Amino acid sequence: MKPLQITPETAIKLSEKLNVPIEQIMHMPQHILIQKLMELDKEQKK
């Protein structure tokens, strides 16, 4: 599985929002990352 095709700036922002190390963001499967972002979005809308 290849690393996510995201910019370093995006990886930094995601790691801050999700409280996850940048290395883990880069190697996270895309579907799991999308799921986490959806959960984060739901929390923000509350």
PDB file of N, CA and C in Angstrom:
ATOM      1  N   MET A   1       0.844  -1.182   0.000  1.00  0.00           N
ATOM      2  CA  MET A   1       0.000   0.000   0.000  1.00  0.00           C
ATOM      3  C   MET A   1       0.883   1.238   0.000  1.00  0.00           C
ATOM      4  N   LYS A   2       0.621   2.158  -0.912  1.00  0.00           N
ATOM      5  CA  LYS A   2       1.446   3.361  -0.999  1.00  0.00           C
ATOM      6  C   LYS A   2       0.963   4.428  -0.015  1.00  0.00           C
ATOM      7  N   PRO A   3       1.860   5.325   0.389  1.00  0.00           N
ATOM      8  CA  PRO A   3       1.459   6.404   1.305  1.00  0.00           C
ATOM      9  C   PRO A   3       0.408   7.301   0.662  1.00  0.00           C
ATOM     10  N   LEU A   4      -0.323   8.020   1.489  1.00  0.00           N
ATOM     11  CA  LEU A   4      -1.343   8.938   0.998  1.00  0.00           C
ATOM     12  C   LEU A   4      -0.717  10.021   0.136  1.00  0.00           C
ATOM     13  N   GLN A   5      -1.434  10.447  -0.864  1.00  0.00           N
ATOM     14  CA  GLN A   5      -0.954  11.504  -1.756  1.00  0.00           C
ATOM     15  C   GLN A   5      -1.443  12.855  -1.236  1.00  0.00           C
ATOM     16  N   ILE A   6      -0.871  13.302  -0.120  1.00  0.00           N
ATOM     17  CA  ILE A   6      -1.237  14.589   0.460  1.00  0.00           C
ATOM     18  C   ILE A   6       0.023  15.411   0.680  1.00  0.00           C
ATOM     19  N   THR A   7      -0.149  16.715   0.749  1.00  0.00           N
ATOM     20  CA  THR A   7       1.001  17.588   0.957  1.00  0.00           C
ATOM     21  C   THR A   7       1.438  17.530   2.414  1.00  0.00           C
ATOM     22  N   PRO A   8       2.685  17.864   2.693  1.00  0.00           N
ATOM     23  CA  PRO A   8       3.149  17.888   4.085  1.00  0.00           C
ATOM     24  C   PRO A   8       2.315  18.830   4.958  1.00  0.00           C
ATOM     25  N   GLU A   9       1.894  19.967   4.390  1.00  0.00           N
ATOM     26  CA  GLU A   9       1.073  20.907   5.152  1.00  0.00           C
ATOM     27  C   GLU A   9      -0.255  20.270   5.562  1.00  0.00           C
ATOM     28  N   THR A  10      -0.847  19.532   4.645  1.00  0.00           N
ATOM     29  CA  THR A  10      -2.106  18.841   4.941  1.00  0.00           C
ATOM     30  C   THR A  10      -1.893  17.791   6.016  1.00  0.00           C
ATOM     31  N   ALA A  11      -0.800  17.053   5.936  1.00  0.00           N
ATOM     32  CA  ALA A  11      -0.506  16.025   6.935  1.00  0.00           C
ATOM     33  C   ALA A  11      -0.346  16.657   8.319  1.00  0.00           C
ATOM     34  N   ILE A  12       0.309  17.804   8.390  1.00  0.00           N
ATOM     35  CA  ILE A  12       0.502  18.486   9.675  1.00  0.00           C
ATOM     36  C   ILE A  12      -0.847  18.920  10.243  1.00  0.00           C
ATOM     37  N   LYS A  13      -1.693  19.510   9.405  1.00  0.00           N
ATOM     38  CA  LYS A  13      -3.014  19.957   9.865  1.00  0.00           C
ATOM     39  C   LYS A  13      -3.852  18.777  10.341  1.00  0.00           C
ATOM     40  N   LEU A  14      -3.823  17.674   9.593  1.00  0.00           N
ATOM     41  CA  LEU A  14      -4.586  16.487   9.983  1.00  0.00           C
ATOM     42  C   LEU A  14      -4.079  15.911  11.298  1.00  0.00           C
ATOM     43  N   SER A  15      -2.763  15.871  11.460  1.00  0.00           N
ATOM     44  CA  SER A  15      -2.214  15.309  12.696  1.00  0.00           C
ATOM     45  C   SER A  15      -2.605  16.159  13.904  1.00  0.00           C
ATOM     46  N   GLU A  16      -2.671  17.481  13.714  1.00  0.00           N
ATOM     47  CA  GLU A  16      -3.090  18.358  14.812  1.00  0.00           C
ATOM     48  C   GLU A  16      -4.568  18.165  15.133  1.00  0.00           C
ATOM     49  N   LYS A  17      -5.398  18.092  14.108  1.00  0.00           N
ATOM     50  CA  LYS A  17      -6.851  17.946  14.315  1.00  0.00           C
ATOM     51  C   LYS A  17      -7.193  16.600  14.945  1.00  0.00           C
ATOM     52  N   LEU A  18      -6.530  15.533  14.480  1.00  0.00           N
ATOM     53  CA  LEU A  18      -6.862  14.186  14.941  1.00  0.00           C
ATOM     54  C   LEU A  18      -6.021  13.741  16.134  1.00  0.00           C
ATOM     55  N   ASN A  19      -5.060  14.578  16.547  1.00  0.00           N
ATOM     56  CA  ASN A  19      -4.147  14.235  17.643  1.00  0.00           C
ATOM     57  C   ASN A  19      -3.437  12.909  17.380  1.00  0.00           C
ATOM     58  N   VAL A  20      -2.899  12.804  16.168  1.00  0.00           N
ATOM     59  CA  VAL A  20      -2.205  11.586  15.734  1.00  0.00           C
ATOM     60  C   VAL A  20      -0.845  12.007  15.169  1.00  0.00           C
ATOM     61  N   PRO A  21       0.219  11.235  15.428  1.00  0.00           N
ATOM     62  CA  PRO A  21       1.527  11.588  14.850  1.00  0.00           C
ATOM     63  C   PRO A  21       1.475  11.645  13.319  1.00  0.00           C
ATOM     64  N   ILE A  22       2.279  12.530  12.746  1.00  0.00           N
ATOM     65  CA  ILE A  22       2.298  12.718  11.289  1.00  0.00           C
ATOM     66  C   ILE A  22       2.635  11.417  10.567  1.00  0.00           C
ATOM     67  N   GLU A  23       3.577  10.644  11.117  1.00  0.00           N
ATOM     68  CA  GLU A  23       3.958   9.380  10.478  1.00  0.00           C
ATOM     69  C   GLU A  23       2.754   8.447  10.372  1.00  0.00           C
ATOM     70  N   GLN A  24       1.924   8.450  11.404  1.00  0.00           N
ATOM     71  CA  GLN A  24       0.751   7.583  11.396  1.00  0.00           C
ATOM     72  C   GLN A  24      -0.262   8.063  10.355  1.00  0.00           C
ATOM     73  N   ILE A  25      -0.395   9.381  10.195  1.00  0.00           N
ATOM     74  CA  ILE A  25      -1.296   9.937   9.172  1.00  0.00           C
ATOM     75  C   ILE A  25      -0.849   9.476   7.786  1.00  0.00           C
ATOM     76  N   MET A  26       0.456   9.568   7.516  1.00  0.00           N
ATOM     77  CA  MET A  26       0.965   9.243   6.187  1.00  0.00           C
ATOM     78  C   MET A  26       0.779   7.768   5.826  1.00  0.00           C
ATOM     79  N   HIS A  27       0.740   6.893   6.823  1.00  0.00           N
ATOM     80  CA  HIS A  27       0.634   5.457   6.550  1.00  0.00           C
ATOM     81  C   HIS A  27      -0.751   4.901   6.853  1.00  0.00           C
ATOM     82  N   MET A  28      -1.680   5.791   7.178  1.00  0.00           N
ATOM     83  CA  MET A  28      -3.038   5.369   7.489  1.00  0.00           C
ATOM     84  C   MET A  28      -3.776   5.046   6.184  1.00  0.00           C
ATOM     85  N   PRO A  29      -4.506   3.944   6.149  1.00  0.00           N
ATOM     86  CA  PRO A  29      -5.305   3.659   4.946  1.00  0.00           C
ATOM     87  C   PRO A  29      -6.289   4.802   4.683  1.00  0.00           C
ATOM     88  N   GLN A  30      -6.498   5.105   3.423  1.00  0.00           N
ATOM     89  CA  GLN A  30      -7.317   6.259   3.062  1.00  0.00           C
ATOM     90  C   GLN A  30      -8.738   6.159   3.619  1.00  0.00           C
ATOM     91  N   HIS A  31      -9.336   4.967   3.601  1.00  0.00           N
ATOM     92  CA  HIS A  31     -10.717   4.849   4.078  1.00  0.00           C
ATOM     93  C   HIS A  31     -10.818   5.122   5.578  1.00  0.00           C
ATOM     94  N   ILE A  32      -9.783   4.768   6.337  1.00  0.00           N
ATOM     95  CA  ILE A  32      -9.793   5.037   7.775  1.00  0.00           C
ATOM     96  C   ILE A  32      -9.634   6.531   8.025  1.00  0.00           C
ATOM     97  N   LEU A  33      -8.762   7.173   7.260  1.00  0.00           N
ATOM     98  CA  LEU A  33      -8.576   8.620   7.394  1.00  0.00           C
ATOM     99  C   LEU A  33      -9.881   9.351   7.087  1.00  0.00           C
ATOM    100  N   ILE A  34     -10.564   8.956   6.026  1.00  0.00           N
ATOM    101  CA  ILE A  34     -11.832   9.591   5.663  1.00  0.00           C
ATOM    102  C   ILE A  34     -12.863   9.386   6.767  1.00  0.00           C
ATOM    103  N   GLN A  35     -12.892   8.184   7.337  1.00  0.00           N
ATOM    104  CA  GLN A  35     -13.825   7.895   8.423  1.00  0.00           C
ATOM    105  C   GLN A  35     -13.546   8.797   9.628  1.00  0.00           C
ATOM    106  N   LYS A  36     -12.272   8.976   9.986  1.00  0.00           N
ATOM    107  CA  LYS A  36     -11.902   9.827  11.110  1.00  0.00           C
ATOM    108  C   LYS A  36     -12.273  11.286  10.837  1.00  0.00           C
ATOM    109  N   LEU A  37     -12.069  11.733   9.603  1.00  0.00           N
ATOM    110  CA  LEU A  37     -12.436  13.105   9.246  1.00  0.00           C
ATOM    111  C   LEU A  37     -13.945  13.306   9.326  1.00  0.00           C
ATOM    112  N   MET A  38     -14.717  12.309   8.941  1.00  0.00           N
ATOM    113  CA  MET A  38     -16.173  12.407   9.027  1.00  0.00           C
ATOM    114  C   MET A  38     -16.616  12.487  10.481  1.00  0.00           C
ATOM    115  N   GLU A  39     -15.986  11.705  11.360  1.00  0.00           N
ATOM    116  CA  GLU A  39     -16.300  11.751  12.787  1.00  0.00           C
ATOM    117  C   GLU A  39     -15.975  13.133  13.356  1.00  0.00           C
ATOM    118  N   LEU A  40     -14.828  13.680  12.963  1.00  0.00           N
ATOM    119  CA  LEU A  40     -14.415  14.999  13.417  1.00  0.00           C
ATOM    120  C   LEU A  40     -15.414  16.060  12.948  1.00  0.00           C
ATOM    121  N   ASP A  41     -15.865  15.931  11.713  1.00  0.00           N
ATOM    122  CA  ASP A  41     -16.834  16.883  11.151  1.00  0.00           C
ATOM    123  C   ASP A  41     -18.152  16.825  11.931  1.00  0.00           C
ATOM    124  N   LYS A  42     -18.611  15.622  12.270  1.00  0.00           N
ATOM    125  CA  LYS A  42     -19.852  15.475  13.043  1.00  0.00           C
ATOM    126  C   LYS A  42     -19.736  16.145  14.404  1.00  0.00           C
ATOM    127  N   GLU A  43     -18.571  15.981  15.058  1.00  0.00           N
ATOM    128  CA  GLU A  43     -18.353  16.593  16.370  1.00  0.00           C
ATOM    129  C   GLU A  43     -18.378  18.107  16.277  1.00  0.00           C
ATOM    130  N   GLN A  44     -17.811  18.660  15.210  1.00  0.00           N
ATOM    131  CA  GLN A  44     -17.765  20.107  15.064  1.00  0.00           C
ATOM    132  C   GLN A  44     -19.139  20.701  14.784  1.00  0.00           C
ATOM    133  N   LYS A  45     -20.013  19.939  14.149  1.00  0.00           N
ATOM    134  CA  LYS A  45     -21.338  20.438  13.816  1.00  0.00           C
ATOM    135  C   LYS A  45     -22.286  20.452  15.014  1.00  0.00           C
ATOM    136  N   LYS A  46     -21.924  19.744  16.079  1.00  0.00           N
ATOM    137  CA  LYS A  46     -22.774  19.700  17.273  1.00  0.00           C
ATOM    138  C   LYS A  46     -22.755  21.010  18.009  1.00  0.00           C
TER     139      LYS A  46
END
